Amino acid sequence: MAKYSKKAQVSDETRDEAMKIARGTQKPGQTKEQTKLIAQGIKKGIDLYKKQHKVKARELDKKLKKATTSAAPEPTQPEAVPSTTPRKSSKLPWILLLLSWLCFAAYFFLFRV
């Protein structure tokens, strides 16, 4: 019977990324042990971030699922049919167009030089 360790296994990508970041921030005179400690801290930070991201994603999925299940009974109600009668077009745009052309014609004839 295999027992699982309480520590979560860290992926190789996370470990490599943490070491890469630690080496990038390495200062002159810093020992390998110090760099390894920094890499461990970065690795823990990445793991914590991933865990929090998973929790947020799960909560969002629960909310979405709850919203879709609560919206499901609504289609059983009869839907209102939109009226198919054509709307009466407004005369205001046509009046303004005619008025603008009349003003243009009056300006053209009165101030013609």
C-alpha atoms as a PDB file:
ATOM      1  CA  MET A   1       0.000   0.000   0.000  1.00  0.00           C
ATOM      2  CA  ALA A   2       1.602   3.248  -1.156  1.00  0.00           C
ATOM      3  CA  LYS A   3       1.274   6.290   1.018  1.00  0.00           C
ATOM      4  CA  TYR A   4       1.078   9.736  -0.441  1.00  0.00           C
ATOM      5  CA  SER A   5       3.330  12.388   0.978  1.00  0.00           C
ATOM      6  CA  LYS A   6       1.690  15.445   2.495  1.00  0.00           C
ATOM      7  CA  LYS A   7       3.907  17.700   0.459  1.00  0.00           C
ATOM      8  CA  ALA A   8       2.591  18.527  -2.980  1.00  0.00           C
ATOM      9  CA  GLN A   9       4.891  17.462  -5.769  1.00  0.00           C
ATOM     10  CA  VAL A  10       6.316  20.465  -7.578  1.00  0.00           C
ATOM     11  CA  SER A  11       6.450  20.213 -11.322  1.00  0.00           C
ATOM     12  CA  ASP A  12       9.800  20.353 -13.074  1.00  0.00           C
ATOM     13  CA  GLU A  13       8.673  23.439 -14.994  1.00  0.00           C
ATOM     14  CA  THR A  14       7.955  25.328 -11.776  1.00  0.00           C
ATOM     15  CA  ARG A  15      11.270  24.267 -10.291  1.00  0.00           C
ATOM     16  CA  ASP A  16      13.181  25.315 -13.421  1.00  0.00           C
ATOM     17  CA  GLU A  17      11.329  28.613 -13.642  1.00  0.00           C
ATOM     18  CA  ALA A  18      12.046  29.403  -9.982  1.00  0.00           C
ATOM     19  CA  MET A  19      15.742  28.635 -10.432  1.00  0.00           C
ATOM     20  CA  LYS A  20      15.856  30.759 -13.596  1.00  0.00           C
ATOM     21  CA  ILE A  21      14.319  33.722 -11.760  1.00  0.00           C
ATOM     22  CA  ALA A  22      16.654  33.242  -8.786  1.00  0.00           C
ATOM     23  CA  ARG A  23      19.710  33.213 -11.049  1.00  0.00           C
ATOM     24  CA  GLY A  24      18.422  36.302 -12.844  1.00  0.00           C
ATOM     25  CA  THR A  25      18.239  38.227  -9.571  1.00  0.00           C
ATOM     26  CA  GLN A  26      21.519  36.842  -8.259  1.00  0.00           C
ATOM     27  CA  LYS A  27      23.916  39.469  -6.930  1.00  0.00           C
ATOM     28  CA  PRO A  28      27.711  39.366  -7.039  1.00  0.00           C
ATOM     29  CA  GLY A  29      29.185  37.418  -4.127  1.00  0.00           C
ATOM     30  CA  GLN A  30      26.003  35.434  -3.523  1.00  0.00           C
ATOM     31  CA  THR A  31      26.588  31.770  -2.698  1.00  0.00           C
ATOM     32  CA  LYS A  32      24.861  28.803  -4.318  1.00  0.00           C
ATOM     33  CA  GLU A  33      23.066  28.024  -1.057  1.00  0.00           C
ATOM     34  CA  GLN A  34      21.608  31.508  -0.925  1.00  0.00           C
ATOM     35  CA  THR A  35      20.479  31.201  -4.535  1.00  0.00           C
ATOM     36  CA  LYS A  36      18.842  27.857  -3.753  1.00  0.00           C
ATOM     37  CA  LEU A  37      17.000  29.391  -0.787  1.00  0.00           C
ATOM     38  CA  ILE A  38      15.745  32.211  -2.989  1.00  0.00           C
ATOM     39  CA  ALA A  39      14.645  29.671  -5.597  1.00  0.00           C
ATOM     40  CA  GLN A  40      12.726  27.725  -2.911  1.00  0.00           C
ATOM     41  CA  GLY A  41      10.932  30.905  -1.853  1.00  0.00           C
ATOM     42  CA  ILE A  42      10.027  31.697  -5.440  1.00  0.00           C
ATOM     43  CA  LYS A  43       8.831  28.117  -5.941  1.00  0.00           C
ATOM     44  CA  LYS A  44       6.581  28.362  -2.871  1.00  0.00           C
ATOM     45  CA  GLY A  45       5.208  31.646  -4.153  1.00  0.00           C
ATOM     46  CA  ILE A  46       4.426  30.132  -7.545  1.00  0.00           C
ATOM     47  CA  ASP A  47       2.712  27.148  -5.906  1.00  0.00           C
ATOM     48  CA  LEU A  48       0.649  29.424  -3.668  1.00  0.00           C
ATOM     49  CA  TYR A  49      -0.382  31.515  -6.662  1.00  0.00           C
ATOM     50  CA  LYS A  50      -1.432  28.411  -8.604  1.00  0.00           C
ATOM     51  CA  LYS A  51      -3.486  27.140  -5.648  1.00  0.00           C
ATOM     52  CA  GLN A  52      -5.259  30.480  -5.270  1.00  0.00           C
ATOM     53  CA  HIS A  53      -5.910  30.591  -9.009  1.00  0.00           C
ATOM     54  CA  LYS A  54      -7.450  27.106  -8.905  1.00  0.00           C
ATOM     55  CA  VAL A  55      -9.708  28.085  -5.994  1.00  0.00           C
ATOM     56  CA  LYS A  56     -10.895  31.200  -7.832  1.00  0.00           C
ATOM     57  CA  ALA A  57     -11.524  29.177 -10.994  1.00  0.00           C
ATOM     58  CA  ARG A  58     -13.555  26.606  -9.028  1.00  0.00           C
ATOM     59  CA  GLU A  59     -15.645  29.337  -7.398  1.00  0.00           C
ATOM     60  CA  LEU A  60     -16.266  30.949 -10.772  1.00  0.00           C
ATOM     61  CA  ASP A  61     -17.324  27.601 -12.241  1.00  0.00           C
ATOM     62  CA  LYS A  62     -19.738  27.085  -9.341  1.00  0.00           C
ATOM     63  CA  LYS A  63     -21.245  30.541  -9.873  1.00  0.00           C
ATOM     64  CA  LEU A  64     -21.598  29.944 -13.609  1.00  0.00           C
ATOM     65  CA  LYS A  65     -23.165  26.546 -13.062  1.00  0.00           C
ATOM     66  CA  LYS A  66     -25.554  28.011 -10.487  1.00  0.00           C
ATOM     67  CA  ALA A  67     -26.490  30.834 -12.853  1.00  0.00           C
ATOM     68  CA  THR A  68     -27.146  28.452 -15.751  1.00  0.00           C
ATOM     69  CA  THR A  69     -29.260  26.116 -13.614  1.00  0.00           C
ATOM     70  CA  SER A  70     -31.342  28.985 -12.238  1.00  0.00           C
ATOM     71  CA  ALA A  71     -31.862  30.325 -15.771  1.00  0.00           C
ATOM     72  CA  ALA A  72     -33.009  26.952 -17.108  1.00  0.00           C
ATOM     73  CA  PRO A  73     -36.657  27.058 -15.852  1.00  0.00           C
ATOM     74  CA  GLU A  74     -37.345  30.374 -17.596  1.00  0.00           C
ATOM     75  CA  PRO A  75     -37.747  28.960 -21.144  1.00  0.00           C
ATOM     76  CA  THR A  76     -40.829  27.020 -20.009  1.00  0.00           C
ATOM     77  CA  GLN A  77     -42.709  30.324 -19.766  1.00  0.00           C
ATOM     78  CA  PRO A  78     -44.303  31.544 -23.000  1.00  0.00           C
ATOM     79  CA  GLU A  79     -42.171  34.139 -24.678  1.00  0.00           C
ATOM     80  CA  ALA A  80     -43.621  37.449 -25.744  1.00  0.00           C
ATOM     81  CA  VAL A  81     -43.916  37.594 -29.517  1.00  0.00           C
ATOM     82  CA  PRO A  82     -42.633  40.896 -30.898  1.00  0.00           C
ATOM     83  CA  SER A  83     -45.173  42.815 -32.896  1.00  0.00           C
ATOM     84  CA  THR A  84     -44.692  42.588 -36.648  1.00  0.00           C
ATOM     85  CA  THR A  85     -46.446  45.840 -37.503  1.00  0.00           C
ATOM     86  CA  PRO A  86     -44.153  48.195 -39.392  1.00  0.00           C
ATOM     87  CA  ARG A  87     -43.188  51.332 -37.549  1.00  0.00           C
ATOM     88  CA  LYS A  88     -44.244  54.632 -38.982  1.00  0.00           C
ATOM     89  CA  SER A  89     -41.199  56.422 -40.315  1.00  0.00           C
ATOM     90  CA  SER A  90     -40.453  59.794 -38.861  1.00  0.00           C
ATOM     91  CA  LYS A  91     -40.944  62.819 -41.084  1.00  0.00           C
ATOM     92  CA  LEU A  92     -38.471  64.979 -39.188  1.00  0.00           C
ATOM     93  CA  PRO A  93     -35.346  63.880 -41.115  1.00  0.00           C
ATOM     94  CA  TRP A  94     -37.051  64.527 -44.430  1.00  0.00           C
ATOM     95  CA  ILE A  95     -38.240  67.954 -43.310  1.00  0.00           C
ATOM     96  CA  LEU A  96     -34.731  68.895 -42.145  1.00  0.00           C
ATOM     97  CA  LEU A  97     -33.239  67.695 -45.427  1.00  0.00           C
ATOM     98  CA  LEU A  98     -35.715  69.720 -47.465  1.00  0.00           C
ATOM     99  CA  LEU A  99     -35.139  72.786 -45.295  1.00  0.00           C
ATOM    100  CA  SER A 100     -31.360  72.542 -45.677  1.00  0.00           C
ATOM    101  CA  TRP A 101     -31.647  72.309 -49.475  1.00  0.00           C
ATOM    102  CA  LEU A 102     -33.987  75.301 -49.563  1.00  0.00           C
ATOM    103  CA  CYS A 103     -31.537  77.335 -47.475  1.00  0.00           C
ATOM    104  CA  PHE A 104     -28.701  76.303 -49.771  1.00  0.00           C
ATOM    105  CA  ALA A 105     -30.684  77.330 -52.876  1.00  0.00           C
ATOM    106  CA  ALA A 106     -31.657  80.674 -51.320  1.00  0.00           C
ATOM    107  CA  TYR A 107     -28.027  81.374 -50.389  1.00  0.00           C
ATOM    108  CA  PHE A 108     -26.864  80.444 -53.871  1.00  0.00           C
ATOM    109  CA  PHE A 109     -29.366  82.700 -55.649  1.00  0.00           C
ATOM    110  CA  LEU A 110     -29.179  85.665 -53.276  1.00  0.00           C
ATOM    111  CA  PHE A 111     -25.415  85.910 -52.863  1.00  0.00           C
ATOM    112  CA  ARG A 112     -24.432  84.987 -56.388  1.00  0.00           C
ATOM    113  CA  VAL A 113     -21.749  87.337 -57.607  1.00  0.00           C
END
